[in-house]
C-alpha atoms as a PDB file:
ATOM      1  CA  MET A   1      -4.554  -6.738  -1.466  1.00  0.00           C
ATOM      2  CA  ALA A   2      -4.175  -3.219  -3.112  1.00  0.00           C
ATOM      3  CA  ASP A   3      -5.001  -4.324  -6.345  1.00  0.00           C
ATOM      4  CA  CYS A   4      -7.981  -7.326  -5.674  1.00  0.00           C
ATOM      5  CA  THR A   5     -10.220  -7.023  -8.485  1.00  0.00           C
ATOM      6  CA  HIS A   6     -13.087  -8.620  -6.170  1.00  0.00           C
ATOM      7  CA  ASP A   7     -13.253 -11.738  -8.462  1.00  0.00           C
ATOM      8  CA  CYS A   8     -11.694 -14.252  -6.604  1.00  0.00           C
ATOM      9  CA  SER A   9     -12.211 -17.122 -10.022  1.00  0.00           C
ATOM     10  CA  THR A  10      -9.218 -14.706 -11.315  1.00  0.00           C
ATOM     11  CA  CYS A  11      -7.138 -15.044  -8.758  1.00  0.00           C
ATOM     12  CA  ALA A  12      -4.914 -17.661  -6.691  1.00  0.00           C
ATOM     13  CA  SER A  13      -4.131 -15.294  -3.168  1.00  0.00           C
ATOM     14  CA  ASN A  14      -5.825 -17.459  -0.113  1.00  0.00           C
ATOM     15  CA  CYS A  15      -6.506 -13.598   1.302  1.00  0.00           C
ATOM     16  CA  GLY A  16      -9.960 -12.469   3.837  1.00  0.00           C
ATOM     17  CA  THR A  17     -11.295 -11.613   0.614  1.00  0.00           C
ATOM     18  CA  ARG A  18     -11.907 -15.343  -0.463  1.00  0.00           C
ATOM     19  CA  ASN A  19     -13.577 -16.447   2.633  1.00  0.00           C
ATOM     20  CA  LYS A  20     -16.271 -13.512   2.250  1.00  0.00           C
ATOM     21  CA  LYS A  21     -19.850 -13.992   0.500  1.00  0.00           C
ATOM     22  CA  SER A  22     -19.051 -12.021  -2.972  1.00  0.00           C
ATOM     23  CA  PHE A  23     -22.484  -9.552  -4.329  1.00  0.00           C
ATOM     24  CA  ILE A  24     -19.584  -8.315  -7.557  1.00  0.00           C
ATOM     25  CA  LYS A  25     -21.281  -9.125 -10.854  1.00  0.00           C
ATOM     26  CA  PRO A  26     -19.505  -9.374 -14.125  1.00  0.00           C
ATOM     27  CA  PRO A  27     -20.442  -6.373 -16.836  1.00  0.00           C
ATOM     28  CA  HIS A  28     -21.631  -7.142 -20.291  1.00  0.00           C
ATOM     29  CA  LYS A  29     -19.586  -9.369 -21.723  1.00  0.00           C
ATOM     30  CA  SER A  30     -18.478  -6.856 -24.362  1.00  0.00           C
ATOM     31  CA  ALA A  31     -16.845  -4.714 -21.575  1.00  0.00           C
ATOM     32  CA  LYS A  32     -13.746  -4.523 -21.175  1.00  0.00           C
ATOM     33  CA  ILE A  33     -13.060  -2.022 -18.266  1.00  0.00           C
ATOM     34  CA  ARG A  34     -10.398  -0.422 -16.807  1.00  0.00           C
ATOM     35  CA  ARG A  35     -11.313   1.309 -14.192  1.00  0.00           C
ATOM     36  CA  VAL A  36     -14.777   2.257 -12.858  1.00  0.00           C
ATOM     37  CA  VAL A  37     -15.300   5.106 -10.184  1.00  0.00           C
ATOM     38  CA  ALA A  38     -18.891   6.243  -8.798  1.00  0.00           C
ATOM     39  CA  VAL A  39     -19.603   9.880  -8.008  1.00  0.00           C
ATOM     40  CA  ALA A  40     -21.381  10.021  -4.370  1.00  0.00           C
ATOM     41  CA  SER A  41     -23.203  11.879  -2.149  1.00  0.00           C
ATOM     42  CA  GLY A  42     -25.423  12.228   1.205  1.00  0.00           C
ATOM     43  CA  LYS A  43     -26.858  14.623   0.079  1.00  0.00           C
ATOM     44  CA  GLY A  44     -29.627  15.355  -2.748  1.00  0.00           C
ATOM     45  CA  GLY A  45     -28.747  18.737  -5.089  1.00  0.00           C
ATOM     46  CA  VAL A  46     -24.846  19.367  -4.132  1.00  0.00           C
ATOM     47  CA  GLY A  47     -23.406  18.583  -7.664  1.00  0.00           C
ATOM     48  CA  LYS A  48     -22.825  15.151  -8.280  1.00  0.00           C
ATOM     49  CA  SER A  49     -23.816  15.451 -12.110  1.00  0.00           C
ATOM     50  CA  LEU A  50     -21.918  18.098 -12.776  1.00  0.00           C
ATOM     51  CA  VAL A  51     -18.513  16.438 -11.431  1.00  0.00           C
ATOM     52  CA  THR A  52     -19.036  13.768 -12.926  1.00  0.00           C
ATOM     53  CA  ALA A  53     -19.807  15.193 -16.714  1.00  0.00           C
ATOM     54  CA  LEU A  54     -16.647  17.619 -15.570  1.00  0.00           C
ATOM     55  CA  LEU A  55     -14.430  14.430 -15.000  1.00  0.00           C
ATOM     56  CA  ALA A  56     -15.665  12.413 -17.893  1.00  0.00           C
ATOM     57  CA  VAL A  57     -15.106  15.493 -20.159  1.00  0.00           C
ATOM     58  CA  ARG A  58     -11.389  15.718 -19.395  1.00  0.00           C
ATOM     59  CA  ALA A  59     -10.987  12.004 -19.702  1.00  0.00           C
ATOM     60  CA  ARG A  60     -12.169  12.471 -23.123  1.00  0.00           C
ATOM     61  CA  ALA A  61     -10.040  15.291 -23.783  1.00  0.00           C
ATOM     62  CA  MET A  62      -7.225  13.465 -23.106  1.00  0.00           C
ATOM     63  CA  GLY A  63      -8.185  11.022 -25.573  1.00  0.00           C
ATOM     64  CA  LEU A  64      -9.440   8.505 -23.303  1.00  0.00           C
ATOM     65  CA  LYS A  65     -12.407   6.061 -24.034  1.00  0.00           C
ATOM     66  CA  VAL A  66     -14.745   7.059 -21.678  1.00  0.00           C
ATOM     67  CA  GLY A  67     -18.867   5.981 -20.579  1.00  0.00           C
ATOM     68  CA  ILE A  68     -21.108   7.427 -18.013  1.00  0.00           C
ATOM     69  CA  LEU A  69     -23.582   5.094 -16.271  1.00  0.00           C
ATOM     70  CA  ASP A  70     -26.413   7.644 -15.035  1.00  0.00           C
ATOM     71  CA  ALA A  71     -27.454   4.973 -11.389  1.00  0.00           C
ATOM     72  CA  ASP A  72     -29.705   7.945 -10.175  1.00  0.00           C
ATOM     73  CA  VAL A  73     -32.663   6.066 -11.860  1.00  0.00           C
ATOM     74  CA  THR A  74     -35.809   8.191 -10.514  1.00  0.00           C
ATOM     75  CA  GLY A  75     -33.997  11.857 -11.367  1.00  0.00           C
ATOM     76  CA  PRO A  76     -31.893  11.405 -14.413  1.00  0.00           C
ATOM     77  CA  SER A  77     -29.406  14.747 -15.549  1.00  0.00           C
ATOM     78  CA  ILE A  78     -26.984  13.218 -17.367  1.00  0.00           C
ATOM     79  CA  PRO A  79     -28.465  13.099 -21.173  1.00  0.00           C
ATOM     80  CA  LYS A  80     -29.798  16.647 -20.779  1.00  0.00           C
ATOM     81  CA  ALA A  81     -26.586  17.738 -19.863  1.00  0.00           C
ATOM     82  CA  PHE A  82     -24.715  16.554 -23.024  1.00  0.00           C
ATOM     83  CA  GLY A  83     -28.019  17.586 -25.113  1.00  0.00           C
ATOM     84  CA  VAL A  84     -28.432  13.823 -25.570  1.00  0.00           C
ATOM     85  CA  HIS A  85     -32.451  13.204 -26.704  1.00  0.00           C
ATOM     86  CA  ASP A  86     -32.094   9.987 -29.192  1.00  0.00           C
ATOM     87  CA  ARG A  87     -33.693   6.880 -27.217  1.00  0.00           C
ATOM     88  CA  ALA A  88     -30.972   3.539 -26.653  1.00  0.00           C
ATOM     89  CA  THR A  89     -31.444   0.310 -28.959  1.00  0.00           C
ATOM     90  CA  GLY A  90     -30.913  -3.136 -28.290  1.00  0.00           C
ATOM     91  CA  THR A  91     -29.721  -5.280 -30.760  1.00  0.00           C
ATOM     92  CA  ASP A  92     -30.392  -9.667 -29.565  1.00  0.00           C
ATOM     93  CA  GLY A  93     -30.869  -8.631 -25.959  1.00  0.00           C
ATOM     94  CA  ASN A  94     -28.127  -6.538 -25.800  1.00  0.00           C
ATOM     95  CA  ILE A  95     -28.137  -2.699 -24.531  1.00  0.00           C
ATOM     96  CA  LEU A  96     -26.702  -0.350 -26.843  1.00  0.00           C
ATOM     97  CA  PRO A  97     -25.290   2.900 -25.008  1.00  0.00           C
ATOM     98  CA  VAL A  98     -25.819   6.255 -26.715  1.00  0.00           C
ATOM     99  CA  GLU A  99     -23.214   8.903 -27.472  1.00  0.00           C
ATOM    100  CA  THR A 100     -22.384  12.135 -26.693  1.00  0.00           C
ATOM    101  CA  LYS A 101     -21.325  14.627 -29.648  1.00  0.00           C
ATOM    102  CA  GLY A 102     -17.854  14.176 -28.657  1.00  0.00           C
ATOM    103  CA  GLY A 103     -18.245   9.977 -28.015  1.00  0.00           C
ATOM    104  CA  ILE A 104     -18.966   9.337 -24.819  1.00  0.00           C
ATOM    105  CA  LYS A 105     -21.042   7.101 -23.553  1.00  0.00           C
ATOM    106  CA  LEU A 106     -23.989   7.224 -21.335  1.00  0.00           C
ATOM    107  CA  ILE A 107     -27.161   4.647 -20.290  1.00  0.00           C
ATOM    108  CA  SER A 108     -29.354   6.412 -18.277  1.00  0.00           C
ATOM    109  CA  MET A 109     -32.968   6.121 -17.366  1.00  0.00           C
ATOM    110  CA  ASN A 110     -34.376   9.258 -19.718  1.00  0.00           C
ATOM    111  CA  SER A 111     -32.357   6.785 -22.416  1.00  0.00           C
ATOM    112  CA  LEU A 112     -35.700   4.236 -22.339  1.00  0.00           C
ATOM    113  CA  LEU A 113     -38.602   5.802 -21.420  1.00  0.00           C
ATOM    114  CA  ASP A 114     -40.800   7.218 -24.452  1.00  0.00           C
ATOM    115  CA  HIS A 115     -40.439  10.415 -22.826  1.00  0.00           C
ATOM    116  CA  GLU A 116     -37.993  12.471 -20.677  1.00  0.00           C
ATOM    117  CA  ASP A 117     -40.303  14.264 -18.610  1.00  0.00           C
ATOM    118  CA  ASP A 118     -42.139  10.424 -17.788  1.00  0.00           C
ATOM    119  CA  PRO A 119     -41.402   9.786 -13.875  1.00  0.00           C
ATOM    120  CA  VAL A 120     -40.287   6.317 -12.917  1.00  0.00           C
ATOM    121  CA  VAL A 121     -42.566   5.310  -9.734  1.00  0.00           C
ATOM    122  CA  TRP A 122     -41.140   2.274  -8.739  1.00  0.00           C
ATOM    123  CA  ARG A 123     -40.315   0.570  -5.240  1.00  0.00           C
ATOM    124  CA  GLY A 124     -36.322   0.736  -3.909  1.00  0.00           C
ATOM    125  CA  SER A 125     -35.431  -2.695  -4.856  1.00  0.00           C
ATOM    126  CA  LEU A 126     -37.036  -2.137  -8.925  1.00  0.00           C
ATOM    127  CA  ILE A 127     -34.495   1.110  -9.241  1.00  0.00           C
ATOM    128  CA  ALA A 128     -31.735  -0.960  -7.397  1.00  0.00           C
ATOM    129  CA  GLY A 129     -31.811  -3.432 -10.174  1.00  0.00           C
ATOM    130  CA  ALA A 130     -32.966  -0.880 -12.934  1.00  0.00           C
ATOM    131  CA  ALA A 131     -29.283   0.615 -12.149  1.00  0.00           C
ATOM    132  CA  LEU A 132     -27.163  -3.056 -12.206  1.00  0.00           C
ATOM    133  CA  GLN A 133     -28.636  -3.422 -15.187  1.00  0.00           C
ATOM    134  CA  PHE A 134     -26.950  -0.759 -16.659  1.00  0.00           C
ATOM    135  CA  TRP A 135     -23.624  -2.615 -15.860  1.00  0.00           C
ATOM    136  CA  THR A 136     -24.310  -6.168 -16.558  1.00  0.00           C
ATOM    137  CA  ASP A 137     -26.682  -5.769 -19.748  1.00  0.00           C
ATOM    138  CA  VAL A 138     -25.390  -2.713 -21.788  1.00  0.00           C
ATOM    139  CA  ALA A 139     -22.763  -3.297 -23.817  1.00  0.00           C
ATOM    140  CA  TRP A 140     -20.282  -0.933 -23.171  1.00  0.00           C
ATOM    141  CA  GLY A 141     -17.465  -2.361 -24.931  1.00  0.00           C
ATOM    142  CA  ASP A 142     -13.693  -1.056 -24.585  1.00  0.00           C
ATOM    143  CA  LEU A 143     -13.006   1.740 -22.005  1.00  0.00           C
ATOM    144  CA  ASP A 144     -10.731   3.224 -19.977  1.00  0.00           C
ATOM    145  CA  LEU A 145     -12.734   4.992 -17.288  1.00  0.00           C
ATOM    146  CA  LEU A 146     -16.472   4.714 -16.949  1.00  0.00           C
ATOM    147  CA  PHE A 147     -17.825   6.922 -14.684  1.00  0.00           C
ATOM    148  CA  LEU A 148     -21.625   6.243 -12.033  1.00  0.00           C
ATOM    149  CA  ASP A 149     -23.544   9.204 -11.443  1.00  0.00           C
ATOM    150  CA  MET A 150     -24.720   8.007  -8.032  1.00  0.00           C
ATOM    151  CA  PRO A 151     -28.272   9.044  -6.852  1.00  0.00           C
ATOM    152  CA  PRO A 152     -27.822  10.644  -3.209  1.00  0.00           C
ATOM    153  CA  GLY A 153     -28.151   8.938   0.399  1.00  0.00           C
ATOM    154  CA  THR A 154     -26.993   5.363   1.536  1.00  0.00           C
ATOM    155  CA  GLY A 155     -30.268   3.498   0.281  1.00  0.00           C
ATOM    156  CA  ASP A 156     -30.817   0.676  -1.740  1.00  0.00           C
ATOM    157  CA  VAL A 157     -29.116   1.551  -5.363  1.00  0.00           C
ATOM    158  CA  PRO A 158     -25.982   3.195  -3.407  1.00  0.00           C
ATOM    159  CA  LEU A 159     -25.605  -0.380  -1.370  1.00  0.00           C
ATOM    160  CA  THR A 160     -26.347  -2.420  -4.691  1.00  0.00           C
ATOM    161  CA  VAL A 161     -23.385  -0.503  -6.320  1.00  0.00           C
ATOM    162  CA  PHE A 162     -21.352  -0.405  -3.885  1.00  0.00           C
ATOM    163  CA  GLN A 163     -21.368  -3.919  -3.153  1.00  0.00           C
ATOM    164  CA  SER A 164     -22.076  -5.072  -6.824  1.00  0.00           C
ATOM    165  CA  ILE A 165     -19.815  -3.330  -9.360  1.00  0.00           C
ATOM    166  CA  PRO A 166     -15.868  -3.832  -8.532  1.00  0.00           C
ATOM    167  CA  LEU A 167     -14.989  -0.200  -8.284  1.00  0.00           C
ATOM    168  CA  SER A 168     -11.680   1.578  -8.719  1.00  0.00           C
ATOM    169  CA  GLY A 169     -13.281   4.538  -6.108  1.00  0.00           C
ATOM    170  CA  THR A 170     -15.572   7.026  -5.375  1.00  0.00           C
ATOM    171  CA  VAL A 171     -15.454  10.753  -5.330  1.00  0.00           C
ATOM    172  CA  ILE A 172     -17.517  12.529  -2.485  1.00  0.00           C
ATOM    173  CA  VAL A 173     -19.514  15.604  -3.838  1.00  0.00           C
ATOM    174  CA  THR A 174     -20.292  18.729  -0.778  1.00  0.00           C
ATOM    175  CA  THR A 175     -21.107  21.747  -0.697  1.00  0.00           C
ATOM    176  CA  PRO A 176     -19.922  24.768   1.758  1.00  0.00           C
ATOM    177  CA  GLN A 177     -22.464  23.987   4.888  1.00  0.00           C
ATOM    178  CA  ASP A 178     -22.423  22.585   7.711  1.00  0.00           C
ATOM    179  CA  LEU A 179     -25.965  20.565   7.269  1.00  0.00           C
ATOM    180  CA  VAL A 180     -24.796  19.097   4.246  1.00  0.00           C
ATOM    181  CA  GLU A 181     -20.943  18.658   5.518  1.00  0.00           C
ATOM    182  CA  MET A 182     -22.616  15.974   8.095  1.00  0.00           C
ATOM    183  CA  ILE A 183     -24.746  14.419   5.863  1.00  0.00           C
ATOM    184  CA  VAL A 184     -21.986  13.932   3.083  1.00  0.00           C
ATOM    185  CA  GLY A 185     -20.200  12.452   6.067  1.00  0.00           C
ATOM    186  CA  LYS A 186     -22.579   9.528   5.949  1.00  0.00           C
ATOM    187  CA  ALA A 187     -21.342   8.763   2.384  1.00  0.00           C
ATOM    188  CA  VAL A 188     -17.603   9.351   3.544  1.00  0.00           C
ATOM    189  CA  HIS A 189     -18.622   6.708   6.499  1.00  0.00           C
ATOM    190  CA  MET A 190     -20.244   4.271   4.222  1.00  0.00           C
ATOM    191  CA  ALA A 191     -17.338   3.896   1.563  1.00  0.00           C
ATOM    192  CA  GLY A 192     -15.218   3.354   4.528  1.00  0.00           C
ATOM    193  CA  MET A 193     -17.580   0.311   5.744  1.00  0.00           C
ATOM    194  CA  LEU A 194     -17.310  -1.671   2.242  1.00  0.00           C
ATOM    195  CA  GLY A 195     -13.718  -0.808   1.515  1.00  0.00           C
ATOM    196  CA  ILE A 196     -14.579   1.172  -0.932  1.00  0.00           C
ATOM    197  CA  PRO A 197     -11.198   4.303  -1.814  1.00  0.00           C
ATOM    198  CA  ILE A 198     -11.972   7.584  -1.435  1.00  0.00           C
ATOM    199  CA  LEU A 199     -10.288   9.122  -4.224  1.00  0.00           C
ATOM    200  CA  GLY A 200     -11.007  12.858  -4.027  1.00  0.00           C
ATOM    201  CA  LEU A 201     -13.555  15.648  -2.479  1.00  0.00           C
ATOM    202  CA  ALA A 202     -15.072  18.210  -5.036  1.00  0.00           C
ATOM    203  CA  GLU A 203     -16.263  21.164  -2.892  1.00  0.00           C
ATOM    204  CA  ASN A 204     -19.203  22.444  -5.975  1.00  0.00           C
ATOM    205  CA  MET A 205     -20.792  25.718  -5.044  1.00  0.00           C
ATOM    206  CA  SER A 206     -17.471  26.795  -3.721  1.00  0.00           C
ATOM    207  CA  TYR A 207     -17.401  30.652  -4.053  1.00  0.00           C
ATOM    208  CA  TYR A 208     -18.845  33.071  -6.391  1.00  0.00           C
ATOM    209  CA  VAL A 209     -16.378  35.423  -8.690  1.00  0.00           C
ATOM    210  CA  CYS A 210     -17.675  39.054  -9.170  1.00  0.00           C
ATOM    211  CA  PRO A 211     -17.941  40.095 -12.882  1.00  0.00           C
ATOM    212  CA  ASP A 212     -16.978  43.577 -11.717  1.00  0.00           C
ATOM    213  CA  CYS A 213     -14.217  43.472  -8.801  1.00  0.00           C
ATOM    214  CA  GLY A 214     -12.970  40.357  -9.712  1.00  0.00           C
ATOM    215  CA  LYS A 215     -13.080  39.062  -6.264  1.00  0.00           C
ATOM    216  CA  ALA A 216     -14.021  36.049  -4.610  1.00  0.00           C
ATOM    217  CA  HIS A 217     -17.417  35.791  -1.851  1.00  0.00           C
ATOM    218  CA  GLU A 218     -18.130  32.545  -0.590  1.00  0.00           C
ATOM    219  CA  ILE A 219     -21.531  33.161  -0.316  1.00  0.00           C
ATOM    220  CA  PHE A 220     -22.114  29.190   1.861  1.00  0.00           C
ATOM    221  CA  GLY A 221     -19.585  30.007   4.470  1.00  0.00           C
ATOM    222  CA  ALA A 222     -16.130  29.722   4.241  1.00  0.00           C
ATOM    223  CA  SER A 223     -14.662  26.978   2.142  1.00  0.00           C
ATOM    224  CA  ARG A 224     -14.326  23.535   4.267  1.00  0.00           C
ATOM    225  CA  ALA A 225     -12.642  21.313   1.953  1.00  0.00           C
ATOM    226  CA  GLU A 226      -9.321  21.461   2.803  1.00  0.00           C
ATOM    227  CA  ALA A 227     -10.753  20.586   6.600  1.00  0.00           C
ATOM    228  CA  PHE A 228     -13.091  18.130   5.648  1.00  0.00           C
ATOM    229  CA  ALA A 229     -10.103  15.726   3.105  1.00  0.00           C
ATOM    230  CA  ALA A 230      -7.816  16.071   5.793  1.00  0.00           C
ATOM    231  CA  ARG A 231     -10.093  14.462   8.344  1.00  0.00           C
ATOM    232  CA  TYR A 232     -10.877  11.774   6.116  1.00  0.00           C
ATOM    233  CA  ALA A 233      -7.242  11.529   4.396  1.00  0.00           C
ATOM    234  CA  ILE A 234      -9.087  11.818   1.366  1.00  0.00           C
ATOM    235  CA  PRO A 235      -6.097  12.825  -1.333  1.00  0.00           C
ATOM    236  CA  ALA A 236      -7.882  14.870  -3.597  1.00  0.00           C
ATOM    237  CA  THR A 237      -9.823  18.171  -2.957  1.00  0.00           C
ATOM    238  CA  ALA A 238     -11.901  20.612  -5.824  1.00  0.00           C
ATOM    239  CA  ARG A 239     -13.488  23.703  -5.663  1.00  0.00           C
ATOM    240  CA  ILE A 240     -15.699  24.255  -8.027  1.00  0.00           C
ATOM    241  CA  PRO A 241     -17.420  28.039  -8.399  1.00  0.00           C
ATOM    242  CA  ILE A 242     -20.989  29.520  -8.929  1.00  0.00           C
ATOM    243  CA  ASP A 243     -20.635  30.146 -12.374  1.00  0.00           C
ATOM    244  CA  PRO A 244     -23.787  31.129 -14.233  1.00  0.00           C
ATOM    245  CA  ALA A 245     -21.895  30.693 -17.781  1.00  0.00           C
ATOM    246  CA  LEU A 246     -20.898  26.745 -16.684  1.00  0.00           C
ATOM    247  CA  ALA A 247     -24.953  26.183 -15.817  1.00  0.00           C
ATOM    248  CA  ARG A 248     -26.292  28.108 -18.969  1.00  0.00           C
ATOM    249  CA  LEU A 249     -23.996  24.977 -20.892  1.00  0.00           C
ATOM    250  CA  PHE A 250     -25.180  22.556 -18.619  1.00  0.00           C
ATOM    251  CA  ASP A 251     -29.070  23.721 -19.246  1.00  0.00           C
ATOM    252  CA  GLU A 252     -28.505  24.294 -22.821  1.00  0.00           C
ATOM    253  CA  GLY A 253     -26.481  20.328 -23.367  1.00  0.00           C
ATOM    254  CA  ARG A 254     -23.151  22.009 -23.835  1.00  0.00           C
ATOM    255  CA  ALA A 255     -21.484  20.150 -21.151  1.00  0.00           C
ATOM    256  CA  GLU A 256     -18.416  19.414 -23.129  1.00  0.00           C
ATOM    257  CA  GLU A 257     -17.327  22.437 -23.708  1.00  0.00           C
ATOM    258  CA  ALA A 258     -17.089  23.401 -19.821  1.00  0.00           C
ATOM    259  CA  ASP A 259     -13.705  24.392 -18.760  1.00  0.00           C
ATOM    260  CA  THR A 260     -12.595  20.883 -17.043  1.00  0.00           C
ATOM    261  CA  ASP A 261      -9.560  22.626 -14.871  1.00  0.00           C
ATOM    262  CA  PRO A 262     -11.184  22.904 -11.587  1.00  0.00           C
ATOM    263  CA  VAL A 263     -11.566  19.326 -10.902  1.00  0.00           C
ATOM    264  CA  ALA A 264      -7.540  18.555 -12.231  1.00  0.00           C
ATOM    265  CA  ALA A 265      -6.119  17.628  -9.256  1.00  0.00           C
ATOM    266  CA  ILE A 266      -9.062  14.759  -8.768  1.00  0.00           C
ATOM    267  CA  PHE A 267      -8.613  13.701 -12.168  1.00  0.00           C
ATOM    268  CA  ALA A 268      -5.427  13.061 -11.885  1.00  0.00           C
ATOM    269  CA  GLU A 269      -5.624  11.007  -8.486  1.00  0.00           C
ATOM    270  CA  ILE A 270      -8.182   8.835 -10.604  1.00  0.00           C
ATOM    271  CA  LEU A 271      -5.975   8.167 -13.138  1.00  0.00           C
ATOM    272  CA  ARG A 272      -3.545   7.135 -10.487  1.00  0.00           C
ATOM    273  CA  SER A 273      -6.248   4.541  -8.901  1.00  0.00           C
ATOM    274  CA  ARG A 274      -6.550   0.866  -9.106  1.00  0.00           C
ATOM    275  CA  GLU A 275      -7.381  -1.035 -12.790  1.00  0.00           C
ATOM    276  CA  ILE A 276     -10.339  -3.886 -12.970  1.00  0.00           C
ATOM    277  CA  ARG A 277      -9.876  -6.435 -14.878  1.00  0.00           C
ATOM    278  CA  PHE A 278     -13.301  -8.002 -16.510  1.00  0.00           C
END
């Protein structure tokens, strides 16, 4: 069913899902989260954290209650992008998320480490378990949107997250290169295998605008965003340019000052996605 929450305990329908083993976990008891959207890719280094941050900033600018779950446990970058260096605190066994200056709640492994450059040298099952605990053990409270910044690939963490957290959908991030497109296709097929709607495709590093002549140069080759989206019936696309000013904002922890217009179409599709009921 289109409005299925994957929580059979709340539903009287006798559909096919009821006969399948469900791995879905409820969030923290304090949480009331209306939509959960994962930002994923089969490839690392394509800009998932950038896209996650832009979507979250746009949502917050509209007055929505927003959170970011940094599921990239071994390579977290979300706190740095927002200039958040506080450690998460806890009371009575509950983990409290930290907040950005603009009021976006977030949790990340870097919010739990003594030093931000401490490595997390864990095996896959522990990493996947930590990412899931960010969903079950963090007191998120009332959120309109929770974005998940996913690690690359189709291994333990993406599989655990996709099977255990009731997603409204996912946004796929790519760059305009043949090799990247082939690997990103694996993430698209993984989402399809697990029945997760793909809400949008963001092509990062799509072009560069010369500051002298104003001409757009496709440094990594012609854009493939529209063709890729058409091939997989992805409803919305975004082309994000190579922009030194944008990179500088993120390096300086000022992501909330970024222009979010490039992801407007994808964000509109997210608002049309189904709500979850937990």
